Amino acid sequence: MESPLLERISINPNICFGKPCIRGTRIWVSLVLDFLASEMTIEEILEDYPQLKKEDILACMAYGAAMSRENYVDVSFTAA
């Protein structure tokens, strides 16, 4: 099931080297996901990037989730 939030993401080969961005901006989805992974809150991101809306951040998370269903990232495995 595809999220309607994904409509907030655009990919244009002429903008930001074709990296997925929040529509109407040059803010990479990966940048927002990196911020979230480094424990920034949605509120902190919105404070630093006032042109964004909460739905834009959620769209980045939805994009990351969709990509993880289609691809995988090779991470090292450590037995517990």
N, C-alpha and C. Protein backbone atom coordinates (compact mmCIF):
# COMPACT_ATOMS: atom_id res chain seq x y z
N MET A 1 0.85 -1.17 0.00
CA MET A 1 0.00 0.00 0.00
C MET A 1 0.89 1.23 0.00
N GLU A 2 0.68 2.09 -0.95
CA GLU A 2 1.49 3.29 -1.07
C GLU A 2 0.85 4.44 -0.30
N SER A 3 1.66 5.15 0.44
CA SER A 3 1.19 6.25 1.26
C SER A 3 0.94 7.49 0.40
N PRO A 4 -0.18 8.18 0.64
CA PRO A 4 -0.41 9.45 -0.07
C PRO A 4 0.64 10.50 0.30
N LEU A 5 1.33 10.29 1.42
CA LEU A 5 2.40 11.21 1.80
C LEU A 5 3.50 11.25 0.75
N LEU A 6 3.66 10.15 0.01
CA LEU A 6 4.74 10.08 -0.98
C LEU A 6 4.57 11.12 -2.09
N GLU A 7 3.39 11.67 -2.24
CA GLU A 7 3.17 12.73 -3.22
C GLU A 7 3.95 14.00 -2.84
N ARG A 8 4.41 14.07 -1.60
CA ARG A 8 5.19 15.23 -1.13
C ARG A 8 6.66 15.11 -1.49
N ILE A 9 7.05 13.97 -2.08
CA ILE A 9 8.44 13.72 -2.46
C ILE A 9 8.55 13.80 -3.98
N SER A 10 9.62 14.43 -4.46
CA SER A 10 9.82 14.50 -5.91
C SER A 10 11.25 14.07 -6.25
N ILE A 11 11.38 13.54 -7.43
CA ILE A 11 12.69 13.17 -7.97
C ILE A 11 12.78 13.76 -9.36
N ASN A 12 13.75 14.64 -9.54
CA ASN A 12 13.96 15.30 -10.82
C ASN A 12 15.45 15.23 -11.12
N PRO A 13 15.82 14.62 -12.25
CA PRO A 13 17.24 14.47 -12.55
C PRO A 13 17.98 15.81 -12.68
N ASN A 14 17.24 16.91 -12.85
CA ASN A 14 17.86 18.23 -12.98
C ASN A 14 17.96 18.99 -11.67
N ILE A 15 17.45 18.39 -10.59
CA ILE A 15 17.48 19.03 -9.28
C ILE A 15 18.18 18.12 -8.29
N CYS A 16 19.20 18.63 -7.63
CA CYS A 16 19.93 17.89 -6.59
C CYS A 16 20.42 16.53 -7.09
N PHE A 17 20.89 16.51 -8.33
CA PHE A 17 21.48 15.29 -8.90
C PHE A 17 20.49 14.12 -8.95
N GLY A 18 19.19 14.43 -8.95
CA GLY A 18 18.18 13.38 -9.02
C GLY A 18 17.88 12.71 -7.70
N LYS A 19 18.40 13.26 -6.61
CA LYS A 19 18.12 12.69 -5.29
C LYS A 19 16.67 13.03 -4.90
N PRO A 20 16.01 12.12 -4.19
CA PRO A 20 14.65 12.40 -3.73
C PRO A 20 14.66 13.60 -2.78
N CYS A 21 13.79 14.56 -3.06
CA CYS A 21 13.68 15.78 -2.27
C CYS A 21 12.23 16.00 -1.85
N ILE A 22 12.07 16.82 -0.83
CA ILE A 22 10.73 17.25 -0.47
C ILE A 22 10.26 18.19 -1.57
N ARG A 23 9.10 17.89 -2.14
CA ARG A 23 8.57 18.64 -3.28
C ARG A 23 8.62 20.14 -3.04
N GLY A 24 9.13 20.86 -4.05
CA GLY A 24 9.20 22.31 -3.98
C GLY A 24 10.41 22.83 -3.22
N THR A 25 11.28 21.93 -2.79
CA THR A 25 12.49 22.34 -2.06
C THR A 25 13.69 21.61 -2.66
N ARG A 26 14.83 21.91 -2.13
CA ARG A 26 16.06 21.18 -2.46
C ARG A 26 16.56 20.45 -1.22
N ILE A 27 15.63 20.11 -0.36
CA ILE A 27 15.97 19.41 0.88
C ILE A 27 15.83 17.91 0.63
N TRP A 28 16.97 17.23 0.73
CA TRP A 28 17.00 15.79 0.45
C TRP A 28 16.25 15.00 1.51
N VAL A 29 15.55 13.99 1.07
CA VAL A 29 14.89 13.05 1.97
C VAL A 29 15.94 12.44 2.90
N SER A 30 17.08 12.07 2.35
CA SER A 30 18.13 11.42 3.16
C SER A 30 18.63 12.35 4.27
N LEU A 31 18.65 13.66 4.03
CA LEU A 31 19.07 14.60 5.06
C LEU A 31 18.11 14.57 6.23
N VAL A 32 16.83 14.59 5.92
CA VAL A 32 15.81 14.55 6.98
C VAL A 32 15.89 13.24 7.74
N LEU A 33 16.08 12.13 7.03
CA LEU A 33 16.20 10.84 7.70
C LEU A 33 17.46 10.78 8.57
N ASP A 34 18.54 11.39 8.11
CA ASP A 34 19.75 11.47 8.93
C ASP A 34 19.49 12.28 10.20
N PHE A 35 18.76 13.38 10.07
CA PHE A 35 18.43 14.17 11.26
C PHE A 35 17.64 13.33 12.26
N LEU A 36 16.64 12.62 11.77
CA LEU A 36 15.82 11.78 12.64
C LEU A 36 16.66 10.68 13.29
N ALA A 37 17.56 10.09 12.51
CA ALA A 37 18.42 9.03 13.04
C ALA A 37 19.39 9.55 14.10
N SER A 38 19.71 10.84 14.02
CA SER A 38 20.61 11.43 15.02
C SER A 38 19.84 11.97 16.22
N GLU A 39 18.58 11.56 16.31
CA GLU A 39 17.69 11.88 17.43
C GLU A 39 17.15 13.30 17.46
N MET A 40 17.21 14.00 16.31
CA MET A 40 16.51 15.28 16.25
C MET A 40 15.01 14.98 16.25
N THR A 41 14.25 15.83 16.89
CA THR A 41 12.80 15.66 16.88
C THR A 41 12.22 16.34 15.64
N ILE A 42 11.01 15.99 15.33
CA ILE A 42 10.31 16.64 14.22
C ILE A 42 10.24 18.14 14.48
N GLU A 43 9.97 18.51 15.72
CA GLU A 43 9.86 19.92 16.07
C GLU A 43 11.18 20.66 15.84
N GLU A 44 12.30 20.02 16.18
CA GLU A 44 13.61 20.64 15.96
C GLU A 44 13.90 20.83 14.47
N ILE A 45 13.54 19.83 13.68
CA ILE A 45 13.74 19.95 12.22
C ILE A 45 12.90 21.08 11.67
N LEU A 46 11.65 21.16 12.10
CA LEU A 46 10.77 22.22 11.62
C LEU A 46 11.26 23.60 12.06
N GLU A 47 11.89 23.67 13.21
CA GLU A 47 12.44 24.94 13.68
C GLU A 47 13.62 25.37 12.80
N ASP A 48 14.45 24.39 12.42
CA ASP A 48 15.61 24.69 11.56
C ASP A 48 15.21 24.92 10.10
N TYR A 49 14.12 24.33 9.67
CA TYR A 49 13.65 24.44 8.29
C TYR A 49 12.18 24.86 8.30
N PRO A 50 11.91 26.14 8.58
CA PRO A 50 10.53 26.59 8.74
C PRO A 50 9.67 26.47 7.49
N GLN A 51 10.29 26.27 6.32
CA GLN A 51 9.50 26.10 5.11
C GLN A 51 8.85 24.71 5.03
N LEU A 52 9.26 23.81 5.92
CA LEU A 52 8.69 22.46 5.92
C LEU A 52 7.47 22.38 6.83
N LYS A 53 6.69 21.35 6.56
CA LYS A 53 5.53 21.03 7.40
C LYS A 53 5.75 19.65 8.00
N LYS A 54 5.03 19.35 9.06
CA LYS A 54 5.14 18.04 9.70
C LYS A 54 4.92 16.92 8.67
N GLU A 55 3.98 17.12 7.77
CA GLU A 55 3.69 16.11 6.75
C GLU A 55 4.89 15.84 5.85
N ASP A 56 5.75 16.84 5.65
CA ASP A 56 6.96 16.64 4.85
C ASP A 56 7.90 15.67 5.55
N ILE A 57 8.03 15.81 6.86
CA ILE A 57 8.89 14.91 7.63
C ILE A 57 8.31 13.51 7.60
N LEU A 58 7.00 13.41 7.78
CA LEU A 58 6.34 12.10 7.73
C LEU A 58 6.49 11.48 6.33
N ALA A 59 6.47 12.32 5.30
CA ALA A 59 6.66 11.82 3.93
C ALA A 59 8.06 11.23 3.76
N CYS A 60 9.05 11.86 4.36
CA CYS A 60 10.41 11.32 4.30
C CYS A 60 10.47 9.96 4.97
N MET A 61 9.81 9.82 6.10
CA MET A 61 9.79 8.53 6.80
C MET A 61 9.05 7.49 5.96
N ALA A 62 7.95 7.90 5.33
CA ALA A 62 7.20 6.97 4.47
C ALA A 62 8.04 6.54 3.28
N TYR A 63 8.82 7.47 2.73
CA TYR A 63 9.70 7.15 1.61
C TYR A 63 10.77 6.14 2.05
N GLY A 64 11.37 6.39 3.20
CA GLY A 64 12.37 5.47 3.73
C GLY A 64 11.79 4.09 3.96
N ALA A 65 10.58 4.04 4.49
CA ALA A 65 9.92 2.75 4.72
C ALA A 65 9.65 2.03 3.40
N ALA A 66 9.18 2.77 2.41
CA ALA A 66 8.90 2.17 1.10
C ALA A 66 10.19 1.64 0.48
N MET A 67 11.26 2.40 0.59
CA MET A 67 12.54 1.95 0.02
C MET A 67 13.06 0.71 0.73
N SER A 68 12.84 0.61 2.03
CA SER A 68 13.34 -0.55 2.76
C SER A 68 12.57 -1.81 2.38
N ARG A 69 11.36 -1.65 1.89
CA ARG A 69 10.60 -2.81 1.42
C ARG A 69 11.12 -3.29 0.07
N GLU A 70 11.69 -2.38 -0.70
CA GLU A 70 12.15 -2.70 -2.04
C GLU A 70 13.62 -3.09 -2.09
N ASN A 71 14.41 -2.56 -1.19
CA ASN A 71 15.85 -2.77 -1.17
C ASN A 71 16.29 -3.13 0.23
N TYR A 72 17.54 -3.44 0.36
CA TYR A 72 18.07 -3.65 1.70
C TYR A 72 19.44 -3.01 1.78
N VAL A 73 19.81 -2.71 3.00
CA VAL A 73 21.12 -2.13 3.26
C VAL A 73 21.94 -3.21 3.94
N ASP A 74 23.12 -3.47 3.43
CA ASP A 74 23.99 -4.47 4.01
C ASP A 74 24.60 -3.92 5.29
N VAL A 75 24.19 -4.48 6.41
CA VAL A 75 24.73 -4.07 7.70
C VAL A 75 25.42 -5.28 8.33
N SER A 76 26.42 -5.01 9.14
CA SER A 76 27.14 -6.11 9.76
C SER A 76 26.25 -6.78 10.81
N PHE A 77 26.39 -8.07 10.92
CA PHE A 77 25.60 -8.85 11.85
C PHE A 77 26.49 -9.24 13.01
N THR A 78 26.04 -8.98 14.22
CA THR A 78 26.78 -9.36 15.40
C THR A 78 25.89 -10.26 16.25
N ALA A 79 26.36 -11.45 16.52
CA ALA A 79 25.59 -12.38 17.33
C ALA A 79 25.55 -11.88 18.77
N ALA A 80 24.40 -11.99 19.38
CA ALA A 80 24.24 -11.51 20.76
C ALA A 80 24.78 -12.52 21.75
